Amino acid sequence: MNHGKVLLLALCVLCLLSFALGGLLYPAARPAQAAPQPLEKWIVETIPQGGSIFSVLEKHKLPLDEIGTVSYYFGNYIDVTTIQPGDTLKLQFSQQGRKLAKLEFIQEPTARHCFTAQGDSLAYELVELPVQLRARLLNGRLEGTLDASLLSSGLSAEEKQQINNGLEADINFSRDARNGDAFQVLLQERFFDGEKLPGGKILYVSYTGENTGRHELFRYEDAAEKSVLSGLYTVQGKSNSTSGVGFPLASIHVVSAFGNRVDPYYRGWAFHQGVDYRAGWGTPVYAVANGTVLGAGYSGGWGNEVRIRHSSGLVSQYAHLSSMSVRRGQSVVRGQVIGRVGSTGRSTGAHLHFGLLNGGSYINPNQLRMVGAEKLEPARMAEFQAQMRKIRARVDALSATS
């Protein structure tokens, strides 16, 4: 009897060992994973004259809700005011269901903005190649108009305009400028594979004439990205570009421009009555000019909204605020904090909606000429003085070798 029990026990142990060994040698089959969807080849498009990202996506019959999603994430990473005809848009669709899988936006050969579909959102990656920075000192003399003289010296229209805006407040060119007056410009230019890229910076400008005297401008570079304070200033830290209105935020990045767009909230075509600026929750919002508060309160889809009437008759609008710090009837001055950024009302996330009305009708806020601070505050003035010393040293070094 005992011998039989021992034999039975041994058989049981042998069976268990066999099962265990079999599991190691022949593991259970895992559930089959769905094969990744094959992707179509890249479709390469360029932004046409009068076209937009929206029009290109709609051309490929992308549903409006998907276009709305793309535009929402696209604007968070790329200032839409920088999009120009001729910019490249690459699209890749999945073969099953033909859904947008990848998107690349290319404005210059050194940078690719890459988006990959992940569920209902888009993952973003910026791929950059190194750019060479070169300083160039340009010397010229006035022949005819300043515009013509600067352009003939090899400056772009945008660079020319920056110089004009900086000098025109101190110099009456129609009265005091004379042929033969001297100007000097220090530029920081960007190059890739020997080709000059757009987006250079003017670091220094001087203008000298018998009737005008000598005037100098230096670039101040603020630490904050896209700061409205970065630009040309006099030696005293004064900005000569003060003939416009102020900015509603300290840093400017346009998420959605004025005009027709696919609404990110309703995911359908709609007319956007202002400009949306990217900004974090609680960011201070400033009055763009002196005026009187017409209203400050909750206003349906606009959420918390402030409206200010200005002496020109225009009304500026600031919507989706998290809080408001002014009241109806109050007088405000340019640069005064009137509220803080939020996402109240019909909004998909924290941002500032800035509108402009003329006679009760919305007009494009880009018609305003917005400028930064009239004068740098003491803390920034110390930074500016250090930057000026470095710029002057570069001018002297380049002058010595020219």
Protein backbone atom coordinates (compact mmCIF):
# COMPACT_ATOMS: atom_id res chain seq x y z
CA MET A 1 0.00 0.00 0.00
CA ASN A 2 2.75 2.44 0.97
CA HIS A 3 4.73 1.47 -2.11
CA GLY A 4 1.72 2.32 -4.34
CA LYS A 5 1.27 5.73 -2.72
CA VAL A 6 4.93 6.57 -3.31
CA LEU A 7 4.63 5.57 -6.96
CA LEU A 8 1.46 7.69 -7.42
CA LEU A 9 3.14 10.70 -5.82
CA ALA A 10 6.16 10.30 -8.08
CA LEU A 11 3.92 10.25 -11.16
CA CYS A 12 2.18 13.46 -10.05
CA VAL A 13 5.49 15.24 -9.53
CA LEU A 14 6.69 14.06 -12.96
CA CYS A 15 3.55 15.42 -14.62
CA LEU A 16 3.95 18.82 -12.92
CA LEU A 17 7.58 19.02 -14.03
CA SER A 18 6.56 18.13 -17.57
CA PHE A 19 3.98 20.94 -17.67
CA ALA A 20 6.46 23.46 -16.27
CA LEU A 21 9.17 22.45 -18.74
CA GLY A 22 6.69 22.58 -21.59
CA GLY A 23 5.69 26.11 -20.61
CA LEU A 24 9.31 27.21 -20.78
CA LEU A 25 9.99 25.57 -24.12
CA TYR A 26 6.63 26.40 -25.71
CA PRO A 27 5.25 29.60 -24.13
CA ALA A 28 1.56 30.34 -24.61
CA ALA A 29 0.81 32.29 -27.71
CA ARG A 30 0.32 36.02 -27.08
CA PRO A 31 -2.73 37.78 -28.45
CA ALA A 32 -2.03 38.96 -31.98
CA GLN A 33 -1.27 42.70 -32.13
CA ALA A 34 -2.92 44.80 -34.77
CA ALA A 35 -0.52 45.48 -37.60
CA PRO A 36 0.38 49.15 -37.94
CA GLN A 37 -1.56 50.87 -40.65
CA PRO A 38 0.50 51.39 -43.80
CA LEU A 39 1.10 55.01 -44.68
CA GLU A 40 0.81 56.66 -48.05
CA LYS A 41 3.77 58.49 -49.55
CA TRP A 42 4.43 62.08 -48.54
CA ILE A 43 2.28 64.62 -50.35
CA VAL A 44 4.17 67.89 -50.78
CA GLU A 45 2.22 71.15 -51.07
CA THR A 46 3.15 74.82 -50.98
CA ILE A 47 0.99 77.52 -49.41
CA PRO A 48 -0.56 79.32 -52.40
CA GLN A 49 -1.09 83.04 -52.83
CA GLY A 50 -4.24 83.92 -50.92
CA GLY A 51 -4.33 80.42 -49.43
CA SER A 52 -3.75 79.02 -45.98
CA ILE A 53 -3.10 75.84 -44.03
CA PHE A 54 -6.89 75.42 -43.95
CA SER A 55 -7.27 75.56 -47.72
CA VAL A 56 -4.51 73.01 -48.29
CA LEU A 57 -6.00 70.55 -45.80
CA GLU A 58 -9.50 71.04 -47.19
CA LYS A 59 -8.16 70.40 -50.70
CA HIS A 60 -7.31 66.87 -49.53
CA LYS A 61 -10.84 66.39 -48.19
CA LEU A 62 -9.79 66.28 -44.56
CA PRO A 63 -12.92 66.47 -42.35
CA LEU A 64 -13.50 69.87 -40.77
CA ASP A 65 -13.20 68.46 -37.24
CA GLU A 66 -9.72 67.17 -38.11
CA ILE A 67 -8.79 70.51 -39.70
CA GLY A 68 -9.93 72.19 -36.48
CA THR A 69 -7.72 69.89 -34.41
CA VAL A 70 -4.71 70.47 -36.68
CA SER A 71 -5.15 74.25 -36.63
CA TYR A 72 -5.50 74.30 -32.84
CA TYR A 73 -2.22 72.45 -32.23
CA PHE A 74 -0.45 74.08 -35.17
CA GLY A 75 -1.01 77.59 -33.84
CA ASN A 76 0.29 76.64 -30.40
CA TYR A 77 3.74 76.04 -31.86
CA ILE A 78 3.93 78.28 -34.93
CA ASP A 79 3.02 81.97 -35.04
CA VAL A 80 0.51 81.94 -37.90
CA THR A 81 1.47 85.47 -38.97
CA THR A 82 4.84 84.08 -40.11
CA ILE A 83 3.21 81.74 -42.68
CA GLN A 84 3.95 82.97 -46.19
CA PRO A 85 3.01 81.85 -49.72
CA GLY A 86 5.62 79.36 -50.84
CA ASP A 87 6.10 77.74 -47.43
CA THR A 88 6.11 73.94 -47.66
CA LEU A 89 3.52 71.63 -46.12
CA LYS A 90 4.09 67.85 -46.24
CA LEU A 91 1.20 65.48 -45.51
CA GLN A 92 1.11 61.75 -44.90
CA PHE A 93 -2.16 59.82 -44.63
CA SER A 94 -2.95 56.32 -43.40
CA GLN A 95 -4.14 54.07 -46.24
CA GLN A 96 -6.97 52.65 -44.14
CA GLY A 97 -9.54 55.34 -43.55
CA ARG A 98 -7.24 57.99 -45.06
CA LYS A 99 -6.69 59.86 -41.84
CA LEU A 100 -3.91 62.40 -41.40
CA ALA A 101 -0.98 60.56 -39.79
CA LYS A 102 1.89 63.04 -40.07
CA LEU A 103 2.37 66.67 -41.04
CA GLU A 104 5.56 68.65 -41.57
CA PHE A 105 5.74 72.41 -42.00
CA ILE A 106 8.92 73.89 -43.48
CA GLN A 107 9.62 77.61 -43.76
CA GLU A 108 13.37 77.34 -44.28
CA PRO A 109 15.75 74.40 -44.84
CA THR A 110 17.13 74.47 -41.30
CA ALA A 111 13.91 73.84 -39.38
CA ARG A 112 11.11 71.30 -39.69
CA HIS A 113 7.98 71.47 -37.54
CA CYS A 114 6.88 67.83 -37.26
CA PHE A 115 3.42 66.75 -36.10
CA THR A 116 2.33 63.14 -35.54
CA ALA A 117 -1.28 62.12 -34.91
CA GLN A 118 -1.83 60.56 -31.49
CA GLY A 119 -5.50 59.85 -30.89
CA ASP A 120 -7.37 63.15 -30.91
CA SER A 121 -4.23 65.26 -30.56
CA LEU A 122 -0.93 65.93 -32.32
CA ALA A 123 2.53 65.32 -30.89
CA TYR A 124 5.04 68.01 -31.87
CA GLU A 125 8.78 67.93 -32.51
CA LEU A 126 11.05 70.67 -33.83
CA VAL A 127 14.00 69.38 -35.87
CA GLU A 128 16.67 72.06 -36.34
CA LEU A 129 19.99 72.13 -38.17
CA PRO A 130 22.81 74.45 -37.04
CA VAL A 131 22.76 77.95 -38.51
CA GLN A 132 25.87 80.08 -38.92
CA LEU A 133 25.64 83.65 -37.59
CA ARG A 134 27.75 86.34 -39.25
CA ALA A 135 28.15 90.01 -38.42
CA ARG A 136 28.30 92.45 -41.32
CA LEU A 137 29.07 96.16 -41.10
CA LEU A 138 27.49 98.22 -43.82
CA ASN A 139 28.60 101.81 -44.61
CA GLY A 140 26.68 104.04 -46.97
CA ARG A 141 25.77 107.60 -47.91
CA LEU A 142 22.43 109.23 -48.57
CA GLU A 143 21.58 109.57 -52.24
CA GLY A 144 18.03 110.80 -52.76
CA THR A 145 15.77 109.25 -50.11
CA LEU A 146 16.78 107.17 -47.09
CA ASP A 147 14.57 104.30 -48.32
CA ALA A 148 16.30 104.14 -51.69
CA SER A 149 19.75 104.50 -50.14
CA LEU A 150 19.21 101.69 -47.63
CA LEU A 151 17.75 99.34 -50.25
CA SER A 152 20.61 100.03 -52.68
CA SER A 153 23.03 99.12 -49.87
CA GLY A 154 21.66 95.58 -49.87
CA LEU A 155 19.18 95.77 -47.01
CA SER A 156 15.81 94.06 -47.26
CA ALA A 157 12.54 95.99 -47.18
CA GLU A 158 11.90 94.75 -43.63
CA GLU A 159 15.38 95.80 -42.43
CA LYS A 160 14.99 99.15 -44.12
CA GLN A 161 11.69 99.77 -42.36
CA GLN A 162 13.15 98.93 -38.93
CA ILE A 163 15.84 101.57 -39.48
CA ASN A 164 13.31 104.11 -40.71
CA ASN A 165 11.07 103.54 -37.70
CA GLY A 166 14.05 104.02 -35.39
CA LEU A 167 15.41 107.22 -36.93
CA GLU A 168 12.32 109.10 -38.04
CA ALA A 169 11.37 110.32 -34.55
CA ASP A 170 14.70 112.18 -34.14
CA ILE A 171 15.44 113.26 -37.71
CA ASN A 172 13.29 115.32 -40.05
CA PHE A 173 14.51 113.81 -43.30
CA SER A 174 12.43 116.03 -45.56
CA ARG A 175 13.93 119.16 -43.97
CA ASP A 176 17.40 118.31 -42.64
CA ALA A 177 18.74 115.31 -44.58
CA ARG A 178 21.26 116.04 -47.35
CA ASN A 179 22.89 113.92 -50.02
CA GLY A 180 26.22 112.70 -48.70
CA ASP A 181 25.01 112.16 -45.11
CA ALA A 182 26.64 109.00 -43.75
CA PHE A 183 24.95 105.96 -42.23
CA GLN A 184 26.33 102.77 -40.73
CA VAL A 185 24.49 99.53 -39.98
CA LEU A 186 25.64 96.41 -38.13
CA LEU A 187 23.64 93.32 -39.05
CA GLN A 188 23.64 89.82 -37.63
CA GLU A 189 22.81 87.57 -40.56
CA ARG A 190 21.93 83.86 -40.69
CA PHE A 191 23.49 81.44 -43.17
CA PHE A 192 23.01 77.78 -44.04
CA ASP A 193 25.12 75.97 -46.65
CA GLY A 194 26.43 79.34 -47.79
CA GLU A 195 22.94 80.74 -48.41
CA LYS A 196 21.59 83.72 -46.48
CA LEU A 197 18.39 83.01 -44.57
CA PRO A 198 15.65 85.48 -43.60
CA GLY A 199 15.30 86.55 -39.99
CA GLY A 200 18.51 88.52 -39.42
CA LYS A 201 18.75 91.25 -36.80
CA ILE A 202 19.88 94.88 -36.94
CA LEU A 203 22.22 95.40 -33.98
CA TYR A 204 23.36 98.98 -34.56
CA VAL A 205 22.48 102.05 -36.65
CA SER A 206 24.19 105.43 -36.86
CA TYR A 207 23.30 108.43 -39.01
CA THR A 208 25.51 111.51 -39.32
CA GLY A 209 24.81 114.72 -41.24
CA GLU A 210 25.76 118.37 -41.06
CA ASN A 211 22.17 119.44 -40.33
CA THR A 212 20.99 116.32 -38.51
CA GLY A 213 23.92 115.79 -36.17
CA ARG A 214 24.83 112.26 -35.08
CA HIS A 215 22.23 109.70 -33.96
CA GLU A 216 22.82 106.13 -32.77
CA LEU A 217 20.51 103.16 -32.16
CA PHE A 218 21.42 99.88 -30.41
CA ARG A 219 19.44 96.65 -30.26
CA TYR A 220 18.17 95.52 -26.88
CA GLU A 221 17.50 91.78 -26.67
CA ASP A 222 15.10 90.84 -23.89
CA ALA A 223 15.52 87.46 -22.21
CA ALA A 224 11.87 86.48 -22.80
CA GLU A 225 11.09 84.76 -26.10
CA LYS A 226 9.07 86.91 -28.51
CA SER A 227 9.28 89.86 -26.10
CA VAL A 228 7.77 93.07 -27.44
CA LEU A 229 10.67 94.96 -25.83
CA SER A 230 13.37 93.53 -28.09
CA GLY A 231 14.31 96.15 -30.67
CA LEU A 232 16.25 99.33 -31.39
CA TYR A 233 16.74 101.99 -28.71
CA THR A 234 18.71 105.20 -28.30
CA VAL A 235 21.73 105.34 -25.99
CA GLN A 236 19.36 106.63 -23.29
CA GLY A 237 17.19 103.50 -23.60
CA LYS A 238 14.39 105.34 -25.40
CA SER A 239 12.46 103.71 -28.22
CA ASN A 240 11.84 106.01 -31.15
CA SER A 241 9.09 103.72 -32.44
CA THR A 242 6.44 105.26 -30.22
CA SER A 243 3.95 106.52 -32.79
CA GLY A 244 1.85 103.37 -32.51
CA VAL A 245 -0.18 101.75 -29.75
CA GLY A 246 1.13 99.31 -27.18
CA PHE A 247 0.87 95.53 -27.20
CA PRO A 248 -1.77 93.79 -25.07
CA LEU A 249 0.82 91.24 -23.84
CA ALA A 250 4.52 91.34 -23.01
CA SER A 251 5.27 88.53 -25.50
CA ILE A 252 3.42 88.06 -28.77
CA HIS A 253 2.67 84.76 -30.53
CA VAL A 254 -0.39 84.69 -32.80
CA VAL A 255 -2.30 81.41 -32.55
CA SER A 256 -5.20 82.37 -34.82
CA ALA A 257 -5.41 85.37 -37.13
CA PHE A 258 -8.31 87.61 -38.17
CA GLY A 259 -10.63 86.28 -40.88
CA ASN A 260 -12.07 82.96 -42.04
CA ARG A 261 -10.88 79.89 -40.18
CA VAL A 262 -12.05 76.48 -38.95
CA ASP A 263 -13.31 77.28 -35.47
CA PRO A 264 -11.43 75.13 -32.89
CA TYR A 265 -14.53 75.03 -30.66
CA TYR A 266 -17.30 74.18 -33.15
CA ARG A 267 -14.96 72.57 -35.73
CA GLY A 268 -16.64 74.35 -38.64
CA TRP A 269 -15.94 77.35 -40.86
CA ALA A 270 -16.46 80.68 -39.07
CA PHE A 271 -15.27 84.27 -39.31
CA HIS A 272 -12.76 85.06 -36.56
CA GLN A 273 -13.43 88.60 -35.37
CA GLY A 274 -10.06 89.27 -33.83
CA VAL A 275 -6.63 87.80 -33.10
CA ASP A 276 -5.85 85.04 -30.59
CA TYR A 277 -2.54 85.35 -28.73
CA ARG A 278 -0.87 82.42 -26.95
CA ALA A 279 -0.39 83.10 -23.24
CA GLY A 280 -0.42 81.19 -19.98
CA TRP A 281 -3.20 81.42 -17.42
CA GLY A 282 -2.84 84.57 -15.30
CA THR A 283 -0.55 86.46 -17.70
CA PRO A 284 -1.08 90.25 -17.33
CA VAL A 285 -3.11 91.92 -20.10
CA TYR A 286 -2.41 95.59 -20.91
CA ALA A 287 -4.49 98.42 -22.37
CA VAL A 288 -3.03 99.17 -25.80
CA ALA A 289 -3.74 102.92 -25.55
CA ASN A 290 -5.29 105.55 -23.29
CA GLY A 291 -9.06 105.41 -23.09
CA THR A 292 -12.24 104.85 -21.09
CA VAL A 293 -13.58 101.44 -20.10
CA LEU A 294 -16.89 100.83 -21.88
CA GLY A 295 -17.55 97.55 -20.12
CA ALA A 296 -15.91 95.00 -17.84
CA GLY A 297 -17.88 91.85 -17.05
CA TYR A 298 -19.02 88.44 -18.21
CA SER A 299 -20.26 88.48 -21.82
CA GLY A 300 -21.49 85.08 -23.00
CA GLY A 301 -19.08 83.35 -25.37
CA TRP A 302 -16.47 86.07 -24.79
CA GLY A 303 -16.31 85.11 -21.12
CA ASN A 304 -14.83 87.82 -18.92
CA GLU A 305 -14.39 90.73 -21.31
CA VAL A 306 -13.05 94.30 -21.14
CA ARG A 307 -13.80 96.90 -23.81
CA ILE A 308 -12.01 100.27 -23.99
CA ARG A 309 -12.94 103.29 -26.13
CA HIS A 310 -9.97 105.32 -27.36
CA SER A 311 -9.69 108.94 -28.50
CA SER A 312 -9.49 107.78 -32.13
CA GLY A 313 -13.01 106.36 -31.80
CA LEU A 314 -11.77 102.78 -32.00
CA VAL A 315 -12.77 100.25 -29.34
CA SER A 316 -10.34 97.55 -28.20
CA GLN A 317 -11.64 94.23 -26.86
CA TYR A 318 -9.92 91.78 -24.47
CA ALA A 319 -11.79 88.48 -24.01
CA HIS A 320 -11.69 85.12 -22.14
CA LEU A 321 -9.98 86.77 -19.14
CA SER A 322 -9.57 84.90 -15.87
CA SER A 323 -9.96 88.17 -13.94
CA MET A 324 -10.55 91.88 -14.59
CA SER A 325 -8.93 94.77 -12.74
CA VAL A 326 -10.90 97.72 -14.17
CA ARG A 327 -14.53 98.82 -14.04
CA ARG A 328 -16.91 100.55 -16.42
CA GLY A 329 -16.31 104.30 -16.76
CA GLN A 330 -12.74 104.10 -15.49
CA SER A 331 -9.98 105.96 -17.35
CA VAL A 332 -6.97 103.82 -18.27
CA VAL A 333 -3.57 104.58 -19.76
CA ARG A 334 -1.48 102.67 -22.25
CA GLY A 335 0.33 99.77 -20.58
CA GLN A 336 -2.02 99.59 -17.59
CA VAL A 337 -2.95 96.07 -16.47
CA ILE A 338 -6.68 95.66 -17.16
CA GLY A 339 -6.98 91.92 -16.47
CA ARG A 340 -5.30 88.53 -16.73
CA VAL A 341 -5.38 85.77 -19.34
CA GLY A 342 -7.84 82.94 -18.83
CA SER A 343 -10.19 80.57 -20.67
CA THR A 344 -13.66 81.78 -19.71
CA GLY A 345 -16.62 81.64 -22.11
CA ARG A 346 -16.38 79.72 -25.36
CA SER A 347 -12.70 78.83 -25.25
CA THR A 348 -10.61 75.71 -25.81
CA GLY A 349 -7.73 76.80 -23.56
CA ALA A 350 -5.96 79.76 -21.98
CA HIS A 351 -5.32 82.56 -24.48
CA LEU A 352 -6.14 86.22 -25.12
CA HIS A 353 -8.66 87.15 -27.79
CA PHE A 354 -7.92 90.72 -28.90
CA GLY A 355 -10.49 92.50 -31.05
CA LEU A 356 -10.75 95.94 -32.60
CA LEU A 357 -14.02 97.69 -33.51
CA ASN A 358 -14.64 100.72 -35.67
CA GLY A 359 -18.19 102.05 -35.64
CA GLY A 360 -19.45 98.81 -34.13
CA SER A 361 -17.86 96.59 -36.80
CA TYR A 362 -14.85 94.36 -36.23
CA ILE A 363 -11.74 95.26 -38.23
CA ASN A 364 -8.36 93.57 -38.52
CA PRO A 365 -6.22 94.41 -35.45
CA ASN A 366 -3.15 94.14 -37.69
CA GLN A 367 -4.12 97.60 -38.92
CA LEU A 368 -2.73 98.88 -35.65
CA ARG A 369 0.94 99.69 -35.50
CA MET A 370 1.93 98.14 -32.17
CA VAL A 371 5.17 99.08 -30.46
CA GLY A 372 6.96 98.19 -27.23
CA ALA A 373 7.83 100.35 -24.25
CA GLU A 374 8.76 104.00 -24.79
CA LYS A 375 11.69 103.68 -22.37
CA LEU A 376 13.43 100.74 -20.73
CA GLU A 377 12.94 100.43 -16.98
CA PRO A 378 16.05 100.65 -14.72
CA ALA A 379 16.59 96.89 -14.37
CA ARG A 380 16.50 96.38 -18.14
CA MET A 381 18.54 99.54 -18.69
CA ALA A 382 21.48 97.92 -16.90
CA GLU A 383 21.21 94.90 -19.24
CA PHE A 384 20.95 97.24 -22.23
CA GLN A 385 24.12 99.10 -21.27
CA ALA A 386 26.05 95.82 -21.10
CA GLN A 387 24.68 94.81 -24.50
CA MET A 388 25.58 98.23 -25.95
CA ARG A 389 29.22 97.84 -24.87
CA LYS A 390 29.47 94.50 -26.67
CA ILE A 391 27.84 95.87 -29.82
CA ARG A 392 30.10 98.94 -29.91
CA ALA A 393 33.16 96.70 -29.52
CA ARG A 394 32.01 94.66 -32.54
CA VAL A 395 31.46 97.82 -34.59
CA ASP A 396 34.94 99.09 -33.70
CA ALA A 397 36.56 95.75 -34.50
CA LEU A 398 34.84 95.46 -37.89
CA SER A 399 35.58 99.13 -38.70
CA ALA A 400 39.26 98.53 -38.05
CA THR A 401 39.40 95.66 -40.52
CA SER A 402 37.33 97.28 -43.28
